[in-house]
Amino acid sequence: MNKYTKITASVGPKSEDKQTLTQMIMAGANMFRLNFSHDTGDVQGKKIDTIRQISAELGKPVAIMIDLQGPKHRIGNFETENKYPLVIGQKFVFDTDSTPGNTTRVQLPDVDVLSSLNVGDRILLNDGKIEMRVDSASPSRVEATVIRGDEIWSRRGFNLPDTEIATSVLTPKDRADLEYAITKNPDWVAISFVQKPEDVAEVRDFITQRTAHPIKIIAKIERPNAVERITDIAAAADGIMIARGDLAVEVPFEEVPAISRHIIRECRKMNKPVIVATQMLGSMVNSEFPTRAEITDVANAAYLRADSTMTSEETTIGINPAGVIETMYKILAYADSDAIANPYDWSRVENIPENDWSRSVASMAYLNRASAIVVFARDTIAATQISCRKPDIPVIAVCNEAVIANQLCLARGVFPIYDNQLFGQRDAFNAARQFHINIGKLVIVDEDKISLRTLD
């Protein structure tokens, strides 16, 4: 019970077997991320089936998030497999000509990208090692000057931090992947390279036209224009992921921590869960132990009251995926306990309305020194909103549907139970005892009724 911050674990070749997935759940994983950039839908579907089976066998809710690849922009091919050096001040052309490139030009196959670029926009390649600035732009040809040089070669990806690309957030691959994934009833869908709230609405329409299952949407924040519109995007989505990898390419890297804090505060204000992602324990791909900096990074996410930290390569191709989760659990549990013992929270949001009902619930629990808040949850709204007030006691969510319990696995400090009998009997005491809470007071939330009762 002493870990309030949740763990989202990416699944890959080293962690997709039943034994390892079971070990990861037992070590503290709350949600699994399936990256649809890799593997076909049916392969991912088998992983979903395995996770659901383990969850049922353990009697433990576990969330499943599918992560769509999104638009991946790459340049065309060069005349040879060699790497071509680009030097500062050099002119370079991107065009629609499919002829292999050379030291002065290369194809840019995406017409929507070419037509979106404007004079002055930056083009970044090789994770930002190459920077160019657009001198002239037309729908078929862009001429740029190299501002920062490095080597370039075929099929390199690129970023456009100053450009809003006039394209759908769902590529044909994403549509096919999502069409299949919907048949497996995932709990969350993460959409990549969100630029505006309309991108979230497009995905939500796609889902609701195909299923009545209440799939929730995570918007991944990877672009500067998404940061600028975070309030509107958070309002449109059901949750946010701070994808620090791509974000650190498109904005100055020294700004990423401040941006992350800002997004966490906005999500708390908007009652939306937030995931902190990328390289949190990256050294554990090849090591049994994290670096001191990584330990601090994970702990800081807990101190900021983020809802979840996320693993990537550490658990997809790392040497010990379950060990990574165990390590992250230890760091989060200690940081969460320290944050409760020393409650100065430097990410607190002060402009939550005084009459906000969830704030009242948290205040009632604090003033009465309650041991827990018990929510009888017909949906995720009440428990998530209370979670966003960051009470430093457990929020036990008794759910009458498995999907509600699974989705609440993302909310900080919420401990979901899927139990129709407890829900039907409104048995808050036995719900609390499942988490070894045997004495004290309980704040009970049942639809629009809030009550205080003594547990003894």
Protein backbone atom coordinates (compact mmCIF):
# COMPACT_ATOMS: atom_id res chain seq x y z
CA MET A 1 0.00 0.00 0.00
CA ASN A 2 2.97 2.36 0.35
CA LYS A 3 3.43 2.90 -3.39
CA TYR A 4 0.94 5.50 -4.61
CA THR A 5 2.63 6.31 -7.92
CA LYS A 6 1.76 3.73 -10.56
CA ILE A 7 4.10 1.92 -12.96
CA THR A 8 3.43 1.59 -16.68
CA ALA A 9 5.61 -1.14 -18.16
CA SER A 10 6.36 -1.51 -21.86
CA VAL A 11 6.16 -5.07 -23.21
CA GLY A 12 8.65 -6.41 -25.74
CA PRO A 13 10.68 -9.45 -26.74
CA LYS A 14 12.21 -9.89 -23.25
CA SER A 15 8.94 -9.47 -21.34
CA GLU A 16 6.11 -10.94 -23.40
CA ASP A 17 6.08 -14.48 -21.97
CA LYS A 18 3.58 -15.35 -19.27
CA GLN A 19 6.15 -16.00 -16.56
CA THR A 20 7.87 -12.63 -16.97
CA LEU A 21 4.59 -10.72 -17.23
CA THR A 22 3.42 -12.41 -14.01
CA GLN A 23 6.67 -11.49 -12.27
CA MET A 24 6.30 -7.88 -13.40
CA ILE A 25 2.75 -7.64 -12.03
CA MET A 26 3.83 -9.16 -8.74
CA ALA A 27 6.76 -6.71 -8.62
CA GLY A 28 4.43 -3.72 -8.98
CA ALA A 29 3.47 -3.10 -12.63
CA ASN A 30 0.00 -1.54 -12.85
CA MET A 31 -0.38 -1.03 -16.59
CA PHE A 32 1.23 -2.61 -19.65
CA ARG A 33 2.07 -0.62 -22.78
CA LEU A 34 1.98 -2.45 -26.10
CA ASN A 35 3.88 -0.51 -28.74
CA PHE A 36 2.15 -0.94 -32.10
CA SER A 37 5.22 0.44 -33.86
CA HIS A 38 6.45 -3.13 -33.47
CA ASP A 39 4.70 -6.45 -34.19
CA THR A 40 1.49 -7.09 -36.07
CA GLY A 41 -1.95 -6.79 -34.53
CA ASP A 42 -2.48 -10.51 -34.00
CA VAL A 43 0.88 -10.81 -32.17
CA GLN A 44 -0.09 -7.91 -29.91
CA GLY A 45 -3.51 -9.51 -29.46
CA LYS A 46 -1.92 -12.65 -28.01
CA LYS A 47 -0.08 -10.47 -25.48
CA ILE A 48 -3.36 -8.83 -24.49
CA ASP A 49 -4.93 -12.27 -24.00
CA THR A 50 -2.01 -13.38 -21.83
CA ILE A 51 -2.17 -10.27 -19.64
CA ARG A 52 -5.92 -10.66 -19.17
CA GLN A 53 -5.44 -14.30 -18.21
CA ILE A 54 -2.77 -13.45 -15.62
CA SER A 55 -4.91 -10.64 -14.20
CA ALA A 56 -7.83 -13.04 -13.75
CA GLU A 57 -5.65 -15.73 -12.19
CA LEU A 58 -4.12 -13.30 -9.71
CA GLY A 59 -7.41 -11.53 -9.03
CA LYS A 60 -5.55 -8.26 -9.59
CA PRO A 61 -6.73 -5.48 -11.94
CA VAL A 62 -4.16 -4.59 -14.61
CA ALA A 63 -4.58 -1.94 -17.30
CA ILE A 64 -3.60 -2.41 -20.95
CA MET A 65 -2.58 0.55 -23.12
CA ILE A 66 -1.95 0.25 -26.83
CA ASP A 67 0.44 2.86 -28.19
CA LEU A 68 -0.15 3.81 -31.83
CA GLN A 69 2.90 4.60 -33.96
CA GLY A 70 1.53 7.84 -35.41
CA PRO A 71 3.01 9.78 -38.32
CA LYS A 72 6.67 8.83 -38.78
CA HIS A 73 8.33 11.20 -41.22
CA ARG A 74 11.51 10.08 -42.96
CA ILE A 75 13.63 11.37 -45.81
CA GLY A 76 14.19 9.23 -48.92
CA ASN A 77 17.21 7.20 -49.99
CA PHE A 78 20.68 8.35 -51.07
CA GLU A 79 22.73 7.15 -54.04
CA THR A 80 24.90 4.95 -51.81
CA GLU A 81 24.77 3.51 -48.30
CA ASN A 82 27.48 5.93 -47.27
CA LYS A 83 26.96 8.68 -44.72
CA TYR A 84 26.98 12.17 -46.24
CA PRO A 85 28.53 15.02 -44.21
CA LEU A 86 26.63 18.29 -43.96
CA VAL A 87 28.54 21.42 -42.90
CA ILE A 88 27.37 24.69 -41.39
CA GLY A 89 26.25 27.21 -44.02
CA GLN A 90 25.66 24.59 -46.70
CA LYS A 91 22.48 24.74 -48.79
CA PHE A 92 20.38 21.59 -48.95
CA VAL A 93 17.18 20.80 -50.85
CA PHE A 94 14.21 18.57 -49.99
CA ASP A 95 11.91 17.78 -52.90
CA THR A 96 9.39 15.28 -54.27
CA ASP A 97 11.82 13.77 -56.82
CA SER A 98 12.25 10.04 -56.09
CA THR A 99 15.75 10.03 -57.61
CA PRO A 100 18.29 8.93 -54.94
CA GLY A 101 19.80 11.84 -53.02
CA ASN A 102 23.33 13.21 -52.89
CA THR A 103 25.30 15.85 -51.01
CA THR A 104 22.93 18.64 -52.07
CA ARG A 105 19.41 17.14 -52.05
CA VAL A 106 17.17 14.25 -51.07
CA GLN A 107 13.55 13.28 -51.52
CA LEU A 108 11.02 14.14 -48.84
CA PRO A 109 8.16 11.75 -49.69
CA ASP A 110 5.49 13.37 -47.52
CA VAL A 111 3.72 15.96 -49.63
CA ASP A 112 1.72 17.12 -46.60
CA VAL A 113 4.99 17.95 -44.84
CA LEU A 114 6.47 19.87 -47.75
CA SER A 115 3.29 21.90 -48.15
CA SER A 116 3.25 22.70 -44.40
CA LEU A 117 6.80 24.11 -44.17
CA ASN A 118 7.32 27.87 -44.12
CA VAL A 119 10.33 30.14 -44.43
CA GLY A 120 12.19 30.23 -41.11
CA ASP A 121 10.98 26.82 -39.92
CA ARG A 122 13.59 24.45 -38.52
CA ILE A 123 14.19 20.91 -39.78
CA LEU A 124 15.94 18.58 -37.33
CA LEU A 125 17.47 15.24 -38.32
CA ASN A 126 19.32 12.49 -36.47
CA ASP A 127 17.66 13.30 -33.12
CA GLY A 128 18.53 16.97 -33.48
CA LYS A 129 22.20 16.53 -34.37
CA ILE A 130 21.47 18.23 -37.71
CA GLU A 131 19.56 21.51 -37.77
CA MET A 132 18.49 23.33 -40.91
CA ARG A 133 16.45 26.49 -41.44
CA VAL A 134 14.06 26.85 -44.38
CA ASP A 135 15.03 29.61 -46.86
CA SER A 136 12.32 29.02 -49.46
CA ALA A 137 9.30 26.72 -49.55
CA SER A 138 6.84 25.42 -52.12
CA PRO A 139 4.61 22.31 -52.20
CA SER A 140 7.25 20.42 -54.20
CA ARG A 141 10.60 21.88 -53.10
CA VAL A 142 12.15 23.31 -49.93
CA GLU A 143 15.59 24.90 -49.80
CA ALA A 144 17.30 25.12 -46.42
CA THR A 145 20.59 26.22 -44.85
CA VAL A 146 22.51 23.96 -42.47
CA ILE A 147 22.75 25.60 -39.03
CA ARG A 148 24.23 22.59 -37.23
CA GLY A 149 26.03 19.90 -39.19
CA ASP A 150 26.52 16.15 -38.93
CA GLU A 151 26.31 13.09 -41.15
CA ILE A 152 23.10 12.18 -42.97
CA TRP A 153 22.08 8.94 -44.66
CA SER A 154 19.06 7.12 -46.08
CA ARG A 155 15.66 6.98 -44.37
CA ARG A 156 16.57 9.22 -41.44
CA GLY A 157 13.67 10.47 -39.37
CA PHE A 158 13.19 14.19 -38.86
CA ASN A 159 11.40 16.61 -36.57
CA LEU A 160 9.73 19.92 -37.37
CA PRO A 161 9.43 21.84 -34.08
CA ASP A 162 8.10 25.06 -35.67
CA THR A 163 5.66 23.49 -38.11
CA GLU A 164 2.06 22.41 -37.67
CA ILE A 165 1.68 19.58 -40.16
CA ALA A 166 -1.66 19.52 -41.94
CA THR A 167 -2.22 15.77 -41.70
CA SER A 168 -4.35 13.24 -39.87
CA VAL A 169 -3.01 11.98 -36.55
CA LEU A 170 -4.04 8.48 -37.72
CA THR A 171 -1.93 7.01 -40.51
CA PRO A 172 -3.28 4.11 -42.59
CA LYS A 173 -1.19 1.79 -40.39
CA ASP A 174 -2.68 3.33 -37.23
CA ARG A 175 -6.20 2.88 -38.57
CA ALA A 176 -5.58 -0.79 -39.29
CA ASP A 177 -3.89 -1.30 -35.90
CA LEU A 178 -6.65 0.49 -34.02
CA GLU A 179 -9.36 -1.38 -35.95
CA TYR A 180 -7.84 -4.65 -34.73
CA ALA A 181 -7.03 -3.45 -31.21
CA ILE A 182 -10.63 -2.37 -30.63
CA THR A 183 -11.69 -6.01 -30.99
CA LYS A 184 -9.49 -6.83 -27.95
CA ASN A 185 -11.05 -4.16 -25.70
CA PRO A 186 -7.92 -2.35 -24.47
CA ASP A 187 -8.34 0.00 -21.53
CA TRP A 188 -6.34 2.89 -22.99
CA VAL A 189 -5.17 4.02 -26.43
CA ALA A 190 -2.15 6.34 -26.64
CA ILE A 191 -1.96 8.55 -29.72
CA SER A 192 1.37 9.86 -30.96
CA PHE A 193 2.38 13.34 -32.14
CA VAL A 194 -0.79 15.07 -31.01
CA GLN A 195 -0.80 18.70 -32.14
CA LYS A 196 -4.27 19.92 -31.17
CA PRO A 197 -7.45 18.81 -29.38
CA GLU A 198 -9.06 17.97 -32.72
CA ASP A 199 -6.55 15.12 -33.07
CA VAL A 200 -7.97 13.55 -29.92
CA ALA A 201 -11.53 14.08 -31.19
CA GLU A 202 -10.63 12.32 -34.46
CA VAL A 203 -9.43 9.22 -32.62
CA ARG A 204 -12.38 9.25 -30.23
CA ASP A 205 -14.80 9.38 -33.18
CA PHE A 206 -12.96 6.47 -34.81
CA ILE A 207 -13.33 4.39 -31.65
CA THR A 208 -16.94 5.26 -30.79
CA GLN A 209 -18.08 4.47 -34.32
CA ARG A 210 -16.77 0.92 -33.88
CA THR A 211 -17.41 -0.05 -30.26
CA ALA A 212 -19.46 0.80 -27.20
CA HIS A 213 -16.60 -0.38 -24.96
CA PRO A 214 -15.40 2.63 -22.91
CA ILE A 215 -11.83 2.86 -24.23
CA LYS A 216 -9.98 5.88 -22.85
CA ILE A 217 -7.46 8.04 -24.74
CA ILE A 218 -3.96 9.14 -23.71
CA ALA A 219 -2.53 12.08 -25.66
CA LYS A 220 1.27 11.90 -25.96
CA ILE A 221 2.90 15.31 -25.67
CA GLU A 222 5.89 15.33 -27.99
CA ARG A 223 5.69 18.64 -29.85
CA PRO A 224 5.99 22.33 -28.86
CA ASN A 225 2.57 23.19 -30.25
CA ALA A 226 1.06 20.48 -28.05
CA VAL A 227 2.74 22.01 -25.00
CA GLU A 228 1.27 25.40 -25.90
CA ARG A 229 -2.21 23.83 -26.14
CA ILE A 230 -1.89 21.48 -23.17
CA THR A 231 -5.01 22.76 -21.41
CA ASP A 232 -7.22 22.18 -24.45
CA ILE A 233 -5.60 18.83 -25.25
CA ALA A 234 -5.94 17.63 -21.64
CA ALA A 235 -9.61 18.65 -21.71
CA ALA A 236 -10.17 16.59 -24.87
CA ALA A 237 -8.20 13.52 -23.72
CA ASP A 238 -8.67 11.18 -20.76
CA GLY A 239 -5.00 11.32 -19.79
CA ILE A 240 -1.61 12.67 -20.84
CA MET A 241 1.80 11.11 -21.45
CA ILE A 242 4.88 13.35 -21.27
CA ALA A 243 6.98 11.69 -24.00
CA ARG A 244 10.27 13.29 -23.03
CA GLY A 245 12.31 11.62 -25.77
CA ASP A 246 10.81 13.32 -28.81
CA LEU A 247 9.97 16.40 -26.75
CA ALA A 248 13.65 16.92 -25.89
CA VAL A 249 14.47 16.93 -29.61
CA GLU A 250 11.85 19.52 -30.50
CA VAL A 251 12.38 21.90 -27.57
CA PRO A 252 15.66 22.92 -25.89
CA PHE A 253 16.53 20.00 -23.63
CA GLU A 254 17.01 22.25 -20.59
CA GLU A 255 13.32 23.21 -20.80
CA VAL A 256 11.99 19.64 -20.51
CA PRO A 257 11.91 19.47 -16.67
CA ALA A 258 10.02 22.77 -16.41
CA ILE A 259 7.62 21.72 -19.17
CA SER A 260 7.03 18.42 -17.37
CA ARG A 261 6.17 20.22 -14.12
CA HIS A 262 3.81 22.54 -16.00
CA ILE A 263 2.01 19.62 -17.66
CA ILE A 264 1.66 17.74 -14.37
CA ARG A 265 0.11 20.83 -12.74
CA GLU A 266 -2.29 21.32 -15.65
CA CYS A 267 -3.35 17.68 -15.57
CA ARG A 268 -4.04 17.89 -11.86
CA LYS A 269 -6.15 20.99 -12.43
CA MET A 270 -8.00 19.27 -15.30
CA ASN A 271 -8.56 16.03 -13.30
CA LYS A 272 -6.58 13.97 -15.81
CA PRO A 273 -3.93 11.33 -14.99
CA VAL A 274 -0.42 11.95 -16.33
CA ILE A 275 2.42 9.55 -17.20
CA VAL A 276 6.10 10.56 -17.13
CA ALA A 277 7.97 8.58 -19.79
CA THR A 278 11.35 7.94 -21.47
CA GLN A 279 14.71 6.77 -20.13
CA MET A 280 13.63 6.67 -16.50
CA LEU A 281 15.83 3.63 -15.79
CA GLY A 282 17.54 3.46 -19.19
CA SER A 283 20.84 2.12 -17.90
CA MET A 284 19.04 -1.02 -16.70
CA VAL A 285 18.78 -2.23 -20.30
CA ASN A 286 22.24 -3.67 -19.66
CA SER A 287 22.71 -3.27 -15.92
CA GLU A 288 21.10 -4.74 -12.81
CA PHE A 289 21.36 -1.37 -11.08
CA PRO A 290 20.18 2.15 -12.00
CA THR A 291 22.35 5.24 -11.97
CA ARG A 292 22.02 7.76 -9.14
CA ALA A 293 20.57 10.27 -11.60
CA GLU A 294 17.90 7.78 -12.70
CA ILE A 295 16.94 7.07 -9.09
CA THR A 296 16.46 10.81 -8.56
CA ASP A 297 14.49 11.16 -11.81
CA VAL A 298 12.01 8.45 -10.79
CA ALA A 299 11.71 9.85 -7.26
CA ASN A 300 11.09 13.36 -8.57
CA ALA A 301 8.14 12.10 -10.61
CA ALA A 302 6.64 10.81 -7.35
CA TYR A 303 7.39 14.07 -5.52
CA LEU A 304 5.63 15.95 -8.33
CA ARG A 305 2.60 13.69 -7.78
CA ALA A 306 2.64 12.28 -11.32
CA ASP A 307 0.22 9.40 -11.66
CA SER A 308 2.64 6.98 -13.29
CA THR A 309 6.21 6.51 -14.37
CA MET A 310 6.87 4.43 -17.48
CA THR A 311 9.53 2.02 -18.64
CA SER A 312 10.54 1.61 -22.29
CA GLU A 313 13.59 -0.32 -23.47
CA GLU A 314 14.37 -1.30 -19.88
CA THR A 315 11.53 -3.84 -19.97
CA THR A 316 11.24 -4.55 -23.70
CA ILE A 317 14.83 -5.56 -24.47
CA GLY A 318 16.52 -5.26 -21.06
CA ILE A 319 18.33 -8.06 -19.26
CA ASN A 320 15.89 -8.25 -16.32
CA PRO A 321 12.43 -6.69 -16.91
CA ALA A 322 10.99 -7.85 -13.57
CA GLY A 323 14.07 -6.48 -11.81
CA VAL A 324 13.44 -3.10 -13.41
CA ILE A 325 9.89 -3.04 -12.04
CA GLU A 326 11.10 -4.12 -8.60
CA THR A 327 13.69 -1.33 -8.63
CA MET A 328 11.18 1.28 -9.75
CA TYR A 329 8.74 0.08 -7.08
CA LYS A 330 11.34 0.55 -4.34
CA ILE A 331 12.19 4.08 -5.50
CA LEU A 332 8.56 5.14 -5.81
CA ALA A 333 7.50 3.56 -2.52
CA TYR A 334 10.22 5.37 -0.60
CA ALA A 335 9.58 8.69 -2.37
CA ASP A 336 5.82 8.41 -1.84
CA SER A 337 6.34 7.66 1.87
CA ASP A 338 8.75 10.58 2.19
CA ALA A 339 6.31 12.91 0.42
CA ILE A 340 3.58 11.91 2.88
CA ALA A 341 5.84 12.32 5.91
CA ASN A 342 7.08 15.69 4.62
CA PRO A 343 4.03 17.06 2.83
CA TYR A 344 5.47 20.20 1.29
CA ASP A 345 4.46 19.65 -2.33
CA TRP A 346 6.17 22.06 -4.69
CA SER A 347 3.81 21.13 -7.53
CA ARG A 348 0.60 22.02 -5.69
CA VAL A 349 -2.12 23.74 -7.67
CA GLU A 350 -3.62 26.56 -5.68
CA ASN A 351 -6.43 27.58 -8.03
CA ILE A 352 -8.66 24.53 -7.53
CA PRO A 353 -12.07 26.08 -6.66
CA GLU A 354 -12.85 26.10 -2.93
CA ASN A 355 -16.25 24.51 -3.65
CA ASP A 356 -14.77 21.67 -5.72
CA TRP A 357 -16.42 18.53 -4.33
CA SER A 358 -13.35 16.34 -4.63
CA ARG A 359 -11.33 18.91 -2.71
CA SER A 360 -13.99 18.71 -0.02
CA VAL A 361 -13.61 14.92 0.12
CA ALA A 362 -9.83 15.19 0.46
CA SER A 363 -10.21 17.90 3.13
CA MET A 364 -12.73 15.79 5.07
CA ALA A 365 -10.31 12.87 5.03
CA TYR A 366 -7.41 15.08 6.17
CA LEU A 367 -9.28 16.89 8.94
CA ASN A 368 -10.71 13.64 10.34
CA ARG A 369 -7.42 11.77 9.96
CA ALA A 370 -9.16 9.10 7.93
CA SER A 371 -7.33 5.89 7.10
CA ALA A 372 -8.76 5.67 3.58
CA ILE A 373 -11.32 7.01 1.13
CA VAL A 374 -13.63 4.33 -0.27
CA VAL A 375 -15.36 5.09 -3.57
CA PHE A 376 -18.12 2.91 -5.01
CA ALA A 377 -17.24 3.44 -8.66
CA ARG A 378 -19.71 3.01 -11.50
CA ASP A 379 -17.19 4.84 -13.68
CA THR A 380 -13.72 6.33 -13.32
CA ILE A 381 -14.77 9.95 -12.77
CA ALA A 382 -15.10 10.23 -8.98
CA ALA A 383 -12.02 8.19 -8.05
CA THR A 384 -9.87 9.96 -10.67
CA GLN A 385 -10.98 13.40 -9.56
CA ILE A 386 -10.27 12.60 -5.90
CA SER A 387 -6.89 11.20 -6.97
CA CYS A 388 -6.08 14.51 -8.65
CA ARG A 389 -6.47 16.27 -5.29
CA LYS A 390 -3.55 14.03 -4.19
CA PRO A 391 -4.78 12.93 -0.76
CA ASP A 392 -2.01 11.21 1.15
CA ILE A 393 -4.19 8.23 2.07
CA PRO A 394 -5.37 5.35 -0.13
CA VAL A 395 -8.39 5.80 -2.38
CA ILE A 396 -10.02 2.37 -2.55
CA ALA A 397 -12.29 2.08 -5.60
CA VAL A 398 -14.85 -0.72 -5.43
CA CYS A 399 -15.96 -1.35 -9.02
CA ASN A 400 -18.83 -3.32 -10.51
CA GLU A 401 -17.10 -3.66 -13.89
CA ALA A 402 -13.63 -5.01 -14.68
CA VAL A 403 -12.91 -2.26 -17.22
CA ILE A 404 -13.45 0.44 -14.57
CA ALA A 405 -11.05 -1.30 -12.18
CA ASN A 406 -8.48 -1.71 -14.96
CA GLN A 407 -8.64 1.92 -16.05
CA LEU A 408 -8.24 3.14 -12.47
CA CYS A 409 -4.90 1.30 -12.34
CA LEU A 410 -3.42 4.48 -13.82
CA ALA A 411 -4.67 6.93 -11.17
CA ARG A 412 -2.19 7.80 -8.42
CA GLY A 413 -3.12 6.45 -5.01
CA VAL A 414 -6.22 4.62 -6.27
CA PHE A 415 -6.42 0.93 -5.38
CA PRO A 416 -9.20 -0.65 -7.44
CA ILE A 417 -11.20 -3.78 -6.58
CA TYR A 418 -13.49 -5.54 -9.05
CA ASP A 419 -16.05 -7.22 -6.82
CA ASN A 420 -19.77 -7.17 -7.57
CA GLN A 421 -20.68 -8.46 -4.12
CA LEU A 422 -18.76 -5.76 -2.25
CA PHE A 423 -20.17 -3.18 -4.66
CA GLY A 424 -23.74 -4.40 -4.31
CA GLN A 425 -23.57 -4.53 -0.51
CA ARG A 426 -21.69 -1.22 -0.33
CA ASP A 427 -19.29 -3.00 2.00
CA ALA A 428 -16.65 -0.34 2.59
CA PHE A 429 -15.21 -2.05 5.67
CA ASN A 430 -14.35 -5.33 3.95
CA ALA A 431 -12.99 -3.38 1.00
CA ALA A 432 -10.64 -1.55 3.37
CA ARG A 433 -9.62 -4.77 5.09
CA GLN A 434 -8.50 -6.24 1.77
CA PHE A 435 -5.73 -3.63 1.93
CA HIS A 436 -4.96 -4.37 5.59
CA ILE A 437 -6.75 -1.28 6.90
CA ASN A 438 -8.44 -2.53 10.07
CA ILE A 439 -8.86 0.55 12.27
CA GLY A 440 -9.56 4.25 11.81
CA LYS A 441 -12.11 6.32 9.94
CA LEU A 442 -13.28 5.93 6.35
CA VAL A 443 -14.61 8.64 4.06
CA ILE A 444 -17.16 6.89 1.83
CA VAL A 445 -18.20 8.25 -1.55
CA ASP A 446 -21.27 6.64 -3.13
CA GLU A 447 -22.51 8.57 -6.16
CA ASP A 448 -23.57 11.96 -4.74
CA LYS A 449 -23.43 10.85 -1.09
CA ILE A 450 -20.37 11.45 1.08
CA SER A 451 -20.21 10.00 4.60
CA LEU A 452 -17.72 9.40 7.41
CA ARG A 453 -17.69 6.13 9.34
CA THR A 454 -15.43 4.55 11.93
CA LEU A 455 -13.65 1.30 11.14
CA ASP A 456 -12.94 -0.87 14.17
